Amino acid sequence: MTSPPPTVPLVRMTGIGKRFGNVSVLHDVSLEVFPREVLVLAGENGAGKSTLIKILGGVHTDFDGELEIDGRAARPRSPLEANSLGVAVIFQELSLIPSLSVADNIFLGRNLVRAGFVDDREQRAQSKRLLDRLGIDLDVDQRVEDLPVAQQQLVEIAKALAHESTVIVMDEPTSSLNAPEVEKLFGLIQQLKTDGCGIIYITHKMEEIARIADRITVLRDGRHIGTAPASDVPPDKLVSWMVGRDQDHQFPDRSARPGRTQLRLDRFSVLDETGRRPIVDSITLELHAGEILGLAGLQGSGTSELFLALFGGSNRRVQGQVFLNDGPLRIRNPRTAIRQGIALLTNDRKATGLVLPLSIIANCTLAALPRLSPGAWRRPGREEALTQSLGRSLNLRAASLHLEVGALSGGNQQKVALAKWLLTEPQVLMLDEPTRGIDVGAKREIYQLLDELTSRGIGILLITSELPELLALSDRILVLHRGRLTGEFTRSQATPERILEAAMGKIQSGL
């Protein structure tokens, strides 16, 4: 890794405390980051990581303790002031303006002005040079809302780097990136280290921590648990620091035994917006009761589009046949999908999975209201009782079920999103990145839940970009490349190499 850090850190946070009303979320937390290092900030959801970096980034200005940036006392009163001090924060929730172009977003808040007017030509030229340096192939005049989420993430990174900051905070930056894009990001991080920058990197992915961390700082329940060189914190010790207990293994042993065919697709296609080109091309598959069928593929493979079409959430034309329990499945919209036993957990809980200003109860019961409230009469007592029961089974951590979902940690938000679909009593549950952006403890709880669901005969279609997760959870794995099926593997046949080859378009034997 790197040589020992210099004595003067780029950032020093000492005795940091933060309260929201009567709730204390940070207690005497300290952190340092030095030039030419990656400091991984680890901890479960709700540990206080986001609050700490929001203090550094000028979002939270009322806090206890001392903050030094480049050896000088600092107390940024806004993100713009933090930027001026050399600190850039790339938050997990993107802060782009969808209707503006890539170039306009990169220079948002610090436009180049000439003769009193925004110099669009120079902004576009500088944006193009920056994206070229980062190896990002994007049209700087394209509107951000027309880009896929992964490319929006890259624009967010470019926007932060345009400030020429010396301290860069990255909060789950790979959550929407595919494997080649992750490699680009890691190459960029190495370049930034060489240039003398310090990186604070937040991730829940063990393989990323092992690969890029120079040092690791762990928070738990708003307290500083420890800081050490990455070489001194093997995965089992890191997990113990994060959750406060040892975990023998992350993935539960699969107890379910797949049964009869539950869902069958026969030459199923999803067409693009022109109605001529298939983005999902003649897919034939079977999902059995009690089975987890993994779907793998790089960006543009069509896996998420397949889920959306099966759920009736796409306005694109489909072709082919779909059968549920040997009967034809006719889905016109999500309402008819839910009624027939199909549920979809989307890959963006904040945008399409939850209604953040509504309560936990309202979110949990939203999709099941027709069943919970027959005759169009709400039954609040029943809704609260069912939510409370399901919350206990999911180990949902919340002070009250009447809290807004937006106030929960990412892991607990994901549990609420899952609870919403479990209350619909689905036969087929489609999960698109179910553990994205959640901590190791919450992941394990979700893994155990999936095993329990399959033991009750629910069939699960699973998309995950985390290869260890895909291999450990799936009974079978199908691989798509540009909408076409290129590989099918049993649990014993699947290897990372074979899946990647199929995802890159190499047809596996037997297809």
Protein backbone atom coordinates (compact mmCIF):
# COMPACT_ATOMS: atom_id res chain seq x y z
CA MET A 1 0.00 0.00 0.00
CA THR A 2 1.26 3.53 0.68
CA SER A 3 4.15 4.70 2.83
CA PRO A 4 3.45 6.00 6.37
CA PRO A 5 1.33 9.16 6.25
CA PRO A 6 2.87 12.58 6.84
CA THR A 7 2.40 14.21 10.24
CA VAL A 8 0.01 16.98 9.11
CA PRO A 9 -3.36 15.66 7.94
CA LEU A 10 -5.46 17.29 5.25
CA VAL A 11 -8.44 16.94 7.59
CA ARG A 12 -8.54 16.47 11.36
CA MET A 13 -11.86 16.08 13.17
CA THR A 14 -11.61 15.89 16.96
CA GLY A 15 -14.29 15.19 19.57
CA ILE A 16 -17.15 15.64 17.08
CA GLY A 17 -20.63 15.45 18.55
CA LYS A 18 -24.00 16.03 16.89
CA ARG A 19 -27.58 16.01 18.13
CA PHE A 20 -30.91 16.16 16.33
CA GLY A 21 -33.36 17.41 18.94
CA ASN A 22 -33.01 15.13 21.94
CA VAL A 23 -31.27 12.38 19.95
CA SER A 24 -27.48 12.25 19.99
CA VAL A 25 -26.15 10.67 16.78
CA LEU A 26 -22.40 11.33 17.17
CA HIS A 27 -20.42 11.05 20.40
CA ASP A 28 -16.81 12.27 20.63
CA VAL A 29 -15.83 11.04 17.15
CA SER A 30 -12.36 11.70 15.72
CA LEU A 31 -11.06 11.22 12.18
CA GLU A 32 -7.96 12.11 10.18
CA VAL A 33 -7.15 11.81 6.50
CA PHE A 34 -3.68 12.38 5.06
CA PRO A 35 -2.37 13.19 1.58
CA ARG A 36 -1.98 10.23 -0.80
CA GLU A 37 -4.20 7.84 1.13
CA VAL A 38 -7.61 6.24 0.98
CA LEU A 39 -9.30 6.20 4.38
CA VAL A 40 -12.27 3.84 4.35
CA LEU A 41 -14.99 5.02 6.73
CA ALA A 42 -16.92 1.90 7.69
CA GLY A 43 -19.91 1.10 9.87
CA GLU A 44 -23.44 -0.19 9.73
CA ASN A 45 -26.27 2.00 8.46
CA GLY A 46 -27.14 4.42 11.23
CA ALA A 47 -23.58 4.36 12.62
CA GLY A 48 -23.15 8.09 11.94
CA LYS A 49 -20.98 8.03 8.80
CA SER A 50 -23.25 10.26 6.71
CA THR A 51 -23.70 12.76 9.55
CA LEU A 52 -19.94 12.99 10.01
CA ILE A 53 -19.22 13.71 6.35
CA LYS A 54 -22.09 16.20 6.19
CA ILE A 55 -20.35 18.12 8.96
CA LEU A 56 -17.12 18.06 6.95
CA GLY A 57 -19.02 19.03 3.79
CA GLY A 58 -20.78 22.03 5.33
CA VAL A 59 -24.28 20.54 5.36
CA HIS A 60 -24.54 20.35 9.17
CA THR A 61 -23.10 23.48 10.79
CA ASP A 62 -24.25 23.01 14.40
CA PHE A 63 -21.92 20.49 16.04
CA ASP A 64 -19.54 20.03 18.94
CA GLY A 65 -15.80 19.47 18.61
CA GLU A 66 -13.07 20.82 16.38
CA LEU A 67 -12.49 20.62 12.64
CA GLU A 68 -9.21 21.47 10.92
CA ILE A 69 -8.70 21.58 7.16
CA ASP A 70 -5.13 21.80 5.88
CA GLY A 71 -3.89 22.61 9.38
CA ARG A 72 -6.29 25.52 9.99
CA ALA A 73 -9.40 25.66 12.16
CA ALA A 74 -12.49 25.56 9.96
CA ARG A 75 -16.25 25.50 10.28
CA PRO A 76 -17.78 25.49 6.78
CA ARG A 77 -21.24 27.03 6.77
CA SER A 78 -22.31 25.57 3.42
CA PRO A 79 -21.20 22.99 0.84
CA LEU A 80 -19.97 25.87 -1.33
CA GLU A 81 -17.73 27.10 1.48
CA ALA A 82 -16.46 23.54 2.04
CA ASN A 83 -15.61 23.40 -1.67
CA SER A 84 -13.65 26.64 -1.35
CA LEU A 85 -11.63 25.03 1.47
CA GLY A 86 -10.75 22.09 -0.79
CA VAL A 87 -13.38 19.56 0.34
CA ALA A 88 -15.69 17.87 -2.18
CA VAL A 89 -18.36 15.39 -1.08
CA ILE A 90 -19.98 12.97 -3.52
CA PHE A 91 -23.13 11.95 -1.69
CA GLN A 92 -24.91 8.65 -2.27
CA GLU A 93 -28.06 10.60 -3.19
CA LEU A 94 -27.17 12.39 -6.41
CA SER A 95 -27.39 16.19 -6.36
CA LEU A 96 -27.76 16.76 -10.10
CA ILE A 97 -30.46 18.84 -11.81
CA PRO A 98 -32.05 16.47 -14.35
CA SER A 99 -33.22 19.12 -16.82
CA LEU A 100 -29.74 20.65 -17.18
CA SER A 101 -26.93 19.42 -19.43
CA VAL A 102 -23.88 17.48 -18.30
CA ALA A 103 -21.70 20.60 -18.61
CA ASP A 104 -24.19 22.79 -16.72
CA ASN A 105 -24.27 20.27 -13.86
CA ILE A 106 -20.48 20.01 -13.69
CA PHE A 107 -20.24 23.82 -13.27
CA LEU A 108 -23.35 24.13 -11.10
CA GLY A 109 -22.84 26.87 -8.50
CA ARG A 110 -19.56 28.11 -9.97
CA ASN A 111 -20.40 29.07 -13.55
CA LEU A 112 -17.71 30.55 -15.76
CA VAL A 113 -18.69 34.14 -16.56
CA ARG A 114 -17.49 36.37 -19.39
CA ALA A 115 -18.68 39.95 -19.81
CA GLY A 116 -21.44 39.32 -17.32
CA PHE A 117 -22.80 36.24 -19.10
CA VAL A 118 -22.27 32.52 -18.56
CA ASP A 119 -19.55 31.33 -20.92
CA ASP A 120 -21.27 28.21 -22.22
CA ARG A 121 -18.59 27.49 -24.80
CA GLU A 122 -15.77 27.46 -22.24
CA GLN A 123 -17.83 25.41 -19.78
CA ARG A 124 -18.47 22.79 -22.45
CA ALA A 125 -14.79 22.76 -23.45
CA GLN A 126 -13.56 22.38 -19.86
CA SER A 127 -16.19 19.71 -19.14
CA LYS A 128 -15.07 17.76 -22.22
CA ARG A 129 -11.41 17.94 -21.13
CA LEU A 130 -12.30 16.80 -17.62
CA LEU A 131 -14.41 13.86 -18.83
CA ASP A 132 -11.67 12.85 -21.27
CA ARG A 133 -9.12 12.89 -18.43
CA LEU A 134 -11.43 10.67 -16.40
CA GLY A 135 -12.00 8.33 -19.34
CA ILE A 136 -15.74 9.08 -19.39
CA ASP A 137 -17.34 9.11 -22.85
CA LEU A 138 -20.33 11.45 -22.56
CA ASP A 139 -21.90 14.19 -24.65
CA VAL A 140 -21.53 17.29 -22.46
CA ASP A 141 -24.65 18.82 -24.09
CA GLN A 142 -26.88 15.87 -23.19
CA ARG A 143 -29.47 16.39 -20.49
CA VAL A 144 -28.73 14.45 -17.30
CA GLU A 145 -32.29 13.09 -17.10
CA ASP A 146 -31.68 11.21 -20.36
CA LEU A 147 -28.69 9.33 -18.91
CA PRO A 148 -28.87 5.97 -17.09
CA VAL A 149 -28.23 6.07 -13.35
CA ALA A 150 -24.67 4.72 -13.72
CA GLN A 151 -23.68 7.57 -16.05
CA GLN A 152 -25.37 10.11 -13.77
CA GLN A 153 -23.11 8.79 -11.01
CA LEU A 154 -20.07 9.46 -13.20
CA VAL A 155 -21.28 13.02 -13.84
CA GLU A 156 -21.58 13.50 -10.08
CA ILE A 157 -17.98 12.36 -9.65
CA ALA A 158 -16.79 14.66 -12.42
CA LYS A 159 -18.68 17.56 -10.84
CA ALA A 160 -16.86 17.05 -7.54
CA LEU A 161 -13.46 16.72 -9.19
CA ALA A 162 -13.97 19.88 -11.23
CA HIS A 163 -13.39 21.86 -8.02
CA GLU A 164 -9.77 20.60 -7.91
CA SER A 165 -10.31 19.57 -4.30
CA THR A 166 -7.59 18.07 -2.11
CA VAL A 167 -10.03 16.11 0.07
CA ILE A 168 -12.65 14.03 -1.75
CA VAL A 169 -15.38 12.10 0.06
CA MET A 170 -17.05 9.29 -1.89
CA ASP A 171 -20.20 7.79 -0.35
CA GLU A 172 -20.97 4.42 -1.99
CA PRO A 173 -19.69 5.66 -5.38
CA THR A 174 -19.89 2.25 -7.09
CA SER A 175 -23.49 1.49 -6.13
CA SER A 176 -24.71 2.16 -9.68
CA LEU A 177 -21.57 1.27 -11.64
CA ASN A 178 -20.81 -1.89 -13.60
CA ALA A 179 -17.47 -3.70 -13.47
CA PRO A 180 -15.62 -1.71 -16.20
CA GLU A 181 -16.84 1.58 -14.71
CA VAL A 182 -15.66 0.49 -11.25
CA GLU A 183 -12.23 -0.21 -12.72
CA LYS A 184 -12.18 3.31 -14.19
CA LEU A 185 -13.10 4.76 -10.81
CA PHE A 186 -10.36 2.83 -9.00
CA GLY A 187 -7.83 3.99 -11.59
CA LEU A 188 -9.00 7.55 -11.01
CA ILE A 189 -8.62 7.15 -7.24
CA GLN A 190 -5.05 5.96 -7.72
CA GLN A 191 -4.38 9.01 -9.90
CA LEU A 192 -5.83 11.33 -7.26
CA LYS A 193 -3.61 9.76 -4.60
CA THR A 194 -0.57 10.31 -6.79
CA ASP A 195 -1.61 13.96 -7.14
CA GLY A 196 -1.56 14.32 -3.35
CA CYS A 197 -5.28 14.09 -2.59
CA GLY A 198 -6.80 12.38 0.42
CA ILE A 199 -9.85 10.18 -0.20
CA ILE A 200 -12.51 9.34 2.39
CA TYR A 201 -14.29 6.33 0.92
CA ILE A 202 -17.54 4.88 2.29
CA THR A 203 -18.57 1.43 1.11
CA HIS A 204 -20.23 -1.72 2.39
CA LYS A 205 -18.43 -3.94 -0.13
CA MET A 206 -15.72 -6.01 1.49
CA GLU A 207 -13.87 -6.61 -1.77
CA GLU A 208 -13.57 -2.86 -2.34
CA ILE A 209 -12.24 -2.28 1.17
CA ALA A 210 -9.63 -5.01 0.70
CA ARG A 211 -8.58 -3.56 -2.62
CA ILE A 212 -8.27 0.20 -2.06
CA ALA A 213 -8.09 0.96 1.69
CA ASP A 214 -4.85 2.28 3.19
CA ARG A 215 -6.42 2.83 6.60
CA ILE A 216 -9.85 2.05 8.06
CA THR A 217 -11.91 4.01 10.58
CA VAL A 218 -14.99 2.29 12.02
CA LEU A 219 -18.01 3.93 13.64
CA ARG A 220 -20.71 2.09 15.56
CA ASP A 221 -23.78 3.70 17.13
CA GLY A 222 -22.27 7.14 16.60
CA ARG A 223 -19.01 6.30 18.36
CA HIS A 224 -15.45 5.87 17.12
CA ILE A 225 -14.60 2.16 17.51
CA GLY A 226 -11.14 2.13 16.00
CA THR A 227 -8.71 3.24 13.31
CA ALA A 228 -5.93 1.04 11.94
CA PRO A 229 -3.96 0.26 8.77
CA ALA A 230 -6.06 -1.89 6.45
CA SER A 231 -3.53 -4.72 6.73
CA ASP A 232 -4.29 -4.93 10.47
CA VAL A 233 -8.06 -5.25 9.98
CA PRO A 234 -8.95 -8.54 8.26
CA PRO A 235 -12.60 -9.03 7.24
CA ASP A 236 -13.64 -10.92 10.39
CA LYS A 237 -12.19 -8.21 12.64
CA LEU A 238 -13.79 -5.48 10.53
CA VAL A 239 -17.21 -7.12 10.80
CA SER A 240 -16.75 -7.53 14.55
CA TRP A 241 -15.86 -3.83 14.90
CA MET A 242 -18.87 -2.80 12.81
CA VAL A 243 -21.58 -4.95 14.38
CA GLY A 244 -20.13 -5.51 17.84
CA ARG A 245 -20.19 -9.28 17.54
CA ASP A 246 -18.52 -12.02 15.57
CA GLN A 247 -20.26 -13.54 12.56
CA ASP A 248 -19.29 -17.06 11.58
CA HIS A 249 -20.28 -16.58 7.96
CA GLN A 250 -22.12 -13.94 5.99
CA PHE A 251 -24.36 -16.13 3.83
CA PRO A 252 -26.82 -18.63 5.38
CA ASP A 253 -26.94 -22.20 4.18
CA ARG A 254 -29.75 -22.56 1.66
CA SER A 255 -32.46 -24.75 3.17
CA ALA A 256 -35.10 -24.46 0.43
CA ARG A 257 -35.59 -27.14 -2.23
CA PRO A 258 -37.03 -25.83 -5.51
CA GLY A 259 -40.37 -27.37 -6.49
CA ARG A 260 -42.79 -27.10 -9.40
CA THR A 261 -42.47 -24.53 -12.18
CA GLN A 262 -44.01 -21.30 -10.93
CA LEU A 263 -43.15 -18.75 -13.62
CA ARG A 264 -42.32 -19.51 -17.23
CA LEU A 265 -41.28 -17.17 -20.03
CA ASP A 266 -41.46 -18.38 -23.63
CA ARG A 267 -39.47 -16.29 -26.14
CA PHE A 268 -40.24 -13.13 -24.20
CA SER A 269 -39.00 -9.85 -25.69
CA VAL A 270 -39.15 -6.20 -24.68
CA LEU A 271 -38.90 -3.68 -27.51
CA ASP A 272 -37.25 -0.25 -27.40
CA GLU A 273 -39.15 3.03 -27.66
CA THR A 274 -39.31 2.73 -31.46
CA GLY A 275 -41.04 -0.63 -31.17
CA ARG A 276 -38.57 -2.22 -33.58
CA ARG A 277 -35.39 -3.20 -31.73
CA PRO A 278 -35.51 -5.68 -28.81
CA ILE A 279 -33.70 -4.66 -25.64
CA VAL A 280 -34.71 -8.03 -24.17
CA ASP A 281 -34.53 -10.59 -26.94
CA SER A 282 -36.49 -13.88 -26.95
CA ILE A 283 -35.79 -14.93 -23.36
CA THR A 284 -37.02 -18.36 -22.31
CA LEU A 285 -36.71 -19.29 -18.64
CA GLU A 286 -38.38 -21.16 -15.82
CA LEU A 287 -38.54 -20.16 -12.16
CA HIS A 288 -39.50 -22.85 -9.65
CA ALA A 289 -41.32 -22.45 -6.37
CA GLY A 290 -38.80 -21.96 -3.57
CA GLU A 291 -35.96 -21.16 -5.98
CA ILE A 292 -33.66 -18.15 -6.21
CA LEU A 293 -32.85 -17.62 -9.88
CA GLY A 294 -30.05 -15.09 -10.35
CA LEU A 295 -29.88 -12.86 -13.42
CA ALA A 296 -26.44 -11.46 -14.25
CA GLY A 297 -25.21 -9.01 -16.86
CA LEU A 298 -23.30 -5.79 -17.38
CA GLN A 299 -24.95 -2.42 -17.93
CA GLY A 300 -27.22 -2.59 -20.95
CA SER A 301 -27.83 -6.32 -20.58
CA GLY A 302 -31.59 -5.79 -20.20
CA THR A 303 -32.07 -7.46 -16.81
CA SER A 304 -33.78 -4.49 -15.12
CA GLU A 305 -35.87 -3.84 -18.23
CA LEU A 306 -37.04 -7.47 -18.10
CA PHE A 307 -38.20 -7.04 -14.49
CA LEU A 308 -40.00 -3.80 -15.25
CA ALA A 309 -41.83 -5.32 -18.21
CA LEU A 310 -42.93 -8.37 -16.20
CA PHE A 311 -44.29 -5.99 -13.55
CA GLY A 312 -46.25 -3.93 -16.06
CA GLY A 313 -44.23 -0.84 -15.21
CA SER A 314 -42.87 -0.27 -18.69
CA ASN A 315 -44.67 1.46 -21.53
CA ARG A 316 -42.69 -0.55 -24.07
CA ARG A 317 -44.20 -3.25 -26.25
CA VAL A 318 -43.57 -6.85 -25.29
CA GLN A 319 -43.73 -10.06 -27.28
CA GLY A 320 -43.88 -13.72 -26.30
CA GLN A 321 -45.77 -15.52 -23.56
CA VAL A 322 -45.64 -15.54 -19.76
CA PHE A 323 -47.20 -18.25 -17.59
CA LEU A 324 -47.80 -18.30 -13.83
CA ASN A 325 -48.55 -21.73 -12.38
CA ASP A 326 -49.18 -22.99 -15.95
CA GLY A 327 -51.84 -20.34 -16.60
CA PRO A 328 -51.28 -17.32 -18.86
CA LEU A 329 -50.15 -14.18 -17.05
CA ARG A 330 -51.64 -11.00 -18.48
CA ILE A 331 -50.13 -7.88 -16.96
CA ARG A 332 -51.27 -4.48 -18.15
CA ASN A 333 -49.91 -2.41 -15.25
CA PRO A 334 -48.41 -2.86 -11.75
CA ARG A 335 -51.86 -3.10 -10.18
CA THR A 336 -52.74 -6.20 -12.21
CA ALA A 337 -49.28 -7.65 -11.53
CA ILE A 338 -49.75 -7.28 -7.77
CA ARG A 339 -53.24 -8.79 -8.00
CA GLN A 340 -51.80 -11.88 -9.76
CA GLY A 341 -48.98 -12.36 -7.26
CA ILE A 342 -46.02 -10.54 -8.85
CA ALA A 343 -43.93 -8.04 -6.85
CA LEU A 344 -40.91 -5.92 -7.80
CA LEU A 345 -38.35 -4.35 -5.49
CA THR A 346 -36.70 -1.73 -7.71
CA ASN A 347 -33.01 -0.79 -7.62
CA ASP A 348 -33.62 2.77 -6.38
CA ARG A 349 -35.55 2.77 -3.13
CA LYS A 350 -35.59 6.56 -2.82
CA ALA A 351 -36.88 7.30 -6.32
CA THR A 352 -39.19 4.34 -7.05
CA GLY A 353 -39.33 2.15 -3.96
CA LEU A 354 -40.58 4.41 -1.18
CA VAL A 355 -42.47 7.64 -0.56
CA LEU A 356 -39.98 9.28 1.79
CA PRO A 357 -42.28 11.90 3.40
CA LEU A 358 -44.84 9.23 4.36
CA SER A 359 -44.68 7.15 7.53
CA ILE A 360 -43.34 3.62 7.88
CA ILE A 361 -46.92 2.34 8.19
CA ALA A 362 -48.08 4.18 5.07
CA ASN A 363 -45.16 2.86 3.02
CA CYS A 364 -45.49 -0.73 4.25
CA THR A 365 -49.20 -0.91 3.45
CA LEU A 366 -49.22 1.14 0.25
CA ALA A 367 -49.18 -1.74 -2.25
CA ALA A 368 -51.56 -3.93 -0.22
CA LEU A 369 -54.26 -1.34 0.53
CA PRO A 370 -56.94 -2.96 -1.68
CA ARG A 371 -56.59 -6.17 0.35
CA LEU A 372 -56.16 -4.49 3.76
CA SER A 373 -59.00 -2.00 3.26
CA PRO A 374 -61.85 -3.69 1.39
CA GLY A 375 -64.73 -1.46 0.42
CA ALA A 376 -62.40 1.54 0.22
CA TRP A 377 -62.52 2.02 4.02
CA ARG A 378 -59.14 2.43 5.68
CA ARG A 379 -58.44 0.30 8.76
CA PRO A 380 -55.58 2.12 10.52
CA GLY A 381 -55.51 -0.27 13.47
CA ARG A 382 -55.09 -3.28 11.23
CA GLU A 383 -52.46 -1.51 9.13
CA GLU A 384 -50.42 -0.65 12.23
CA ALA A 385 -50.72 -4.16 13.68
CA LEU A 386 -49.56 -5.82 10.45
CA THR A 387 -46.69 -3.35 10.06
CA GLN A 388 -45.64 -3.93 13.66
CA SER A 389 -45.65 -7.72 13.19
CA LEU A 390 -43.71 -7.55 9.94
CA GLY A 391 -41.30 -5.01 11.41
CA ARG A 392 -40.46 -7.42 14.24
CA SER A 393 -39.81 -10.27 11.81
CA LEU A 394 -37.52 -8.03 9.71
CA ASN A 395 -35.76 -6.60 12.80
CA LEU A 396 -36.78 -3.10 11.71
CA ARG A 397 -35.09 -0.51 13.92
CA ALA A 398 -37.23 2.61 14.35
CA ALA A 399 -38.31 4.67 17.35
CA SER A 400 -41.88 4.76 16.02
CA LEU A 401 -43.79 3.29 13.10
CA HIS A 402 -45.20 6.77 12.53
CA LEU A 403 -41.77 8.16 11.64
CA GLU A 404 -41.18 9.40 8.10
CA VAL A 405 -39.30 6.75 6.12
CA GLY A 406 -36.84 9.42 4.99
CA ALA A 407 -35.56 9.64 8.58
CA LEU A 408 -34.43 5.99 8.63
CA SER A 409 -31.02 4.61 7.77
CA GLY A 410 -30.54 3.00 4.36
CA GLY A 411 -30.75 -0.55 5.72
CA ASN A 412 -34.02 0.14 7.54
CA GLN A 413 -35.45 1.90 4.48
CA GLN A 414 -34.67 -1.23 2.47
CA LYS A 415 -36.49 -3.36 5.05
CA VAL A 416 -39.56 -1.12 4.72
CA ALA A 417 -39.41 -1.45 0.92
CA LEU A 418 -39.28 -5.24 1.28
CA ALA A 419 -42.08 -5.23 3.85
CA LYS A 420 -44.31 -3.33 1.40
CA TRP A 421 -44.09 -6.20 -1.08
CA LEU A 422 -44.31 -8.99 1.48
CA LEU A 423 -47.69 -7.61 2.61
CA THR A 424 -49.00 -8.23 -0.93
CA GLU A 425 -48.35 -11.98 -0.37
CA PRO A 426 -46.52 -12.50 -3.69
CA GLN A 427 -45.87 -15.80 -5.42
CA VAL A 428 -42.99 -14.35 -7.43
CA LEU A 429 -40.70 -11.71 -5.93
CA MET A 430 -38.35 -9.84 -8.27
CA LEU A 431 -35.44 -8.20 -6.45
CA ASP A 432 -33.27 -5.67 -8.28
CA GLU A 433 -30.14 -4.91 -6.19
CA PRO A 434 -31.83 -5.68 -2.83
CA THR A 435 -28.69 -4.95 -0.75
CA ARG A 436 -27.42 -1.84 -2.56
CA GLY A 437 -26.06 0.72 -0.12
CA ILE A 438 -26.73 -1.20 3.09
CA ASP A 439 -24.34 -2.46 5.73
CA VAL A 440 -23.03 -5.95 6.41
CA GLY A 441 -25.40 -6.61 9.31
CA ALA A 442 -28.52 -5.60 7.37
CA LYS A 443 -27.32 -7.65 4.39
CA ARG A 444 -27.12 -10.78 6.50
CA GLU A 445 -30.64 -10.21 7.81
CA ILE A 446 -31.95 -9.83 4.24
CA TYR A 447 -30.10 -13.01 3.16
CA GLN A 448 -31.79 -14.93 5.97
CA LEU A 449 -35.16 -13.44 5.00
CA LEU A 450 -34.73 -14.62 1.40
CA ASP A 451 -34.03 -18.14 2.63
CA GLU A 452 -37.20 -18.03 4.77
CA LEU A 453 -39.28 -16.77 1.84
CA THR A 454 -38.14 -19.56 -0.46
CA SER A 455 -38.84 -22.13 2.26
CA ARG A 456 -42.47 -20.91 2.06
CA GLY A 457 -42.55 -21.58 -1.68
CA ILE A 458 -42.00 -18.06 -3.00
CA GLY A 459 -39.96 -17.95 -6.20
CA ILE A 460 -37.33 -15.19 -6.33
CA LEU A 461 -35.72 -13.56 -9.36
CA LEU A 462 -32.54 -11.80 -8.22
CA ILE A 463 -30.37 -9.13 -9.82
CA THR A 464 -27.23 -8.12 -7.93
CA SER A 465 -24.00 -6.52 -9.09
CA GLU A 466 -22.12 -8.13 -6.18
CA LEU A 467 -20.73 -11.36 -7.59
CA PRO A 468 -20.12 -13.12 -4.22
CA GLU A 469 -23.75 -12.41 -3.34
CA LEU A 470 -24.99 -13.74 -6.68
CA LEU A 471 -22.96 -16.95 -6.37
CA ALA A 472 -23.87 -17.60 -2.75
CA LEU A 473 -27.63 -16.96 -2.96
CA SER A 474 -28.62 -18.30 -6.38
CA ASP A 475 -29.73 -21.87 -7.02
CA ARG A 476 -29.23 -21.18 -10.75
CA ILE A 477 -27.82 -18.23 -12.67
CA LEU A 478 -28.82 -16.92 -16.11
CA VAL A 479 -26.54 -14.41 -17.85
CA LEU A 480 -27.70 -11.80 -20.37
CA HIS A 481 -25.63 -9.82 -22.85
CA ARG A 482 -27.37 -7.01 -24.74
CA GLY A 483 -30.74 -8.58 -24.11
CA ARG A 484 -29.86 -12.12 -25.14
CA LEU A 485 -29.30 -15.17 -22.98
CA THR A 486 -25.61 -16.14 -23.14
CA GLY A 487 -25.16 -18.43 -20.16
CA GLU A 488 -27.00 -20.70 -17.74
CA PHE A 489 -25.31 -22.28 -14.73
CA THR A 490 -26.26 -24.41 -11.79
CA ARG A 491 -24.79 -23.48 -8.41
CA SER A 492 -21.98 -26.01 -8.86
CA GLN A 493 -21.16 -24.85 -12.39
CA ALA A 494 -21.08 -21.10 -11.72
CA THR A 495 -17.71 -19.39 -11.36
CA PRO A 496 -16.82 -15.68 -11.53
CA GLU A 497 -14.83 -16.29 -14.71
CA ARG A 498 -17.63 -18.12 -16.53
CA ILE A 499 -20.23 -15.53 -15.54
CA LEU A 500 -18.03 -12.64 -16.68
CA GLU A 501 -17.29 -14.35 -20.00
CA ALA A 502 -21.02 -14.82 -20.63
CA ALA A 503 -21.79 -11.25 -19.51
CA MET A 504 -19.29 -10.01 -22.12
CA GLY A 505 -21.05 -11.96 -24.87
CA LYS A 506 -19.31 -15.33 -25.02
CA ILE A 507 -22.02 -17.94 -25.54
CA GLN A 508 -21.70 -20.82 -23.08
CA SER A 509 -22.14 -24.38 -24.30
CA GLY A 510 -25.63 -25.81 -24.12
CA LEU A 511 -27.43 -22.61 -25.16
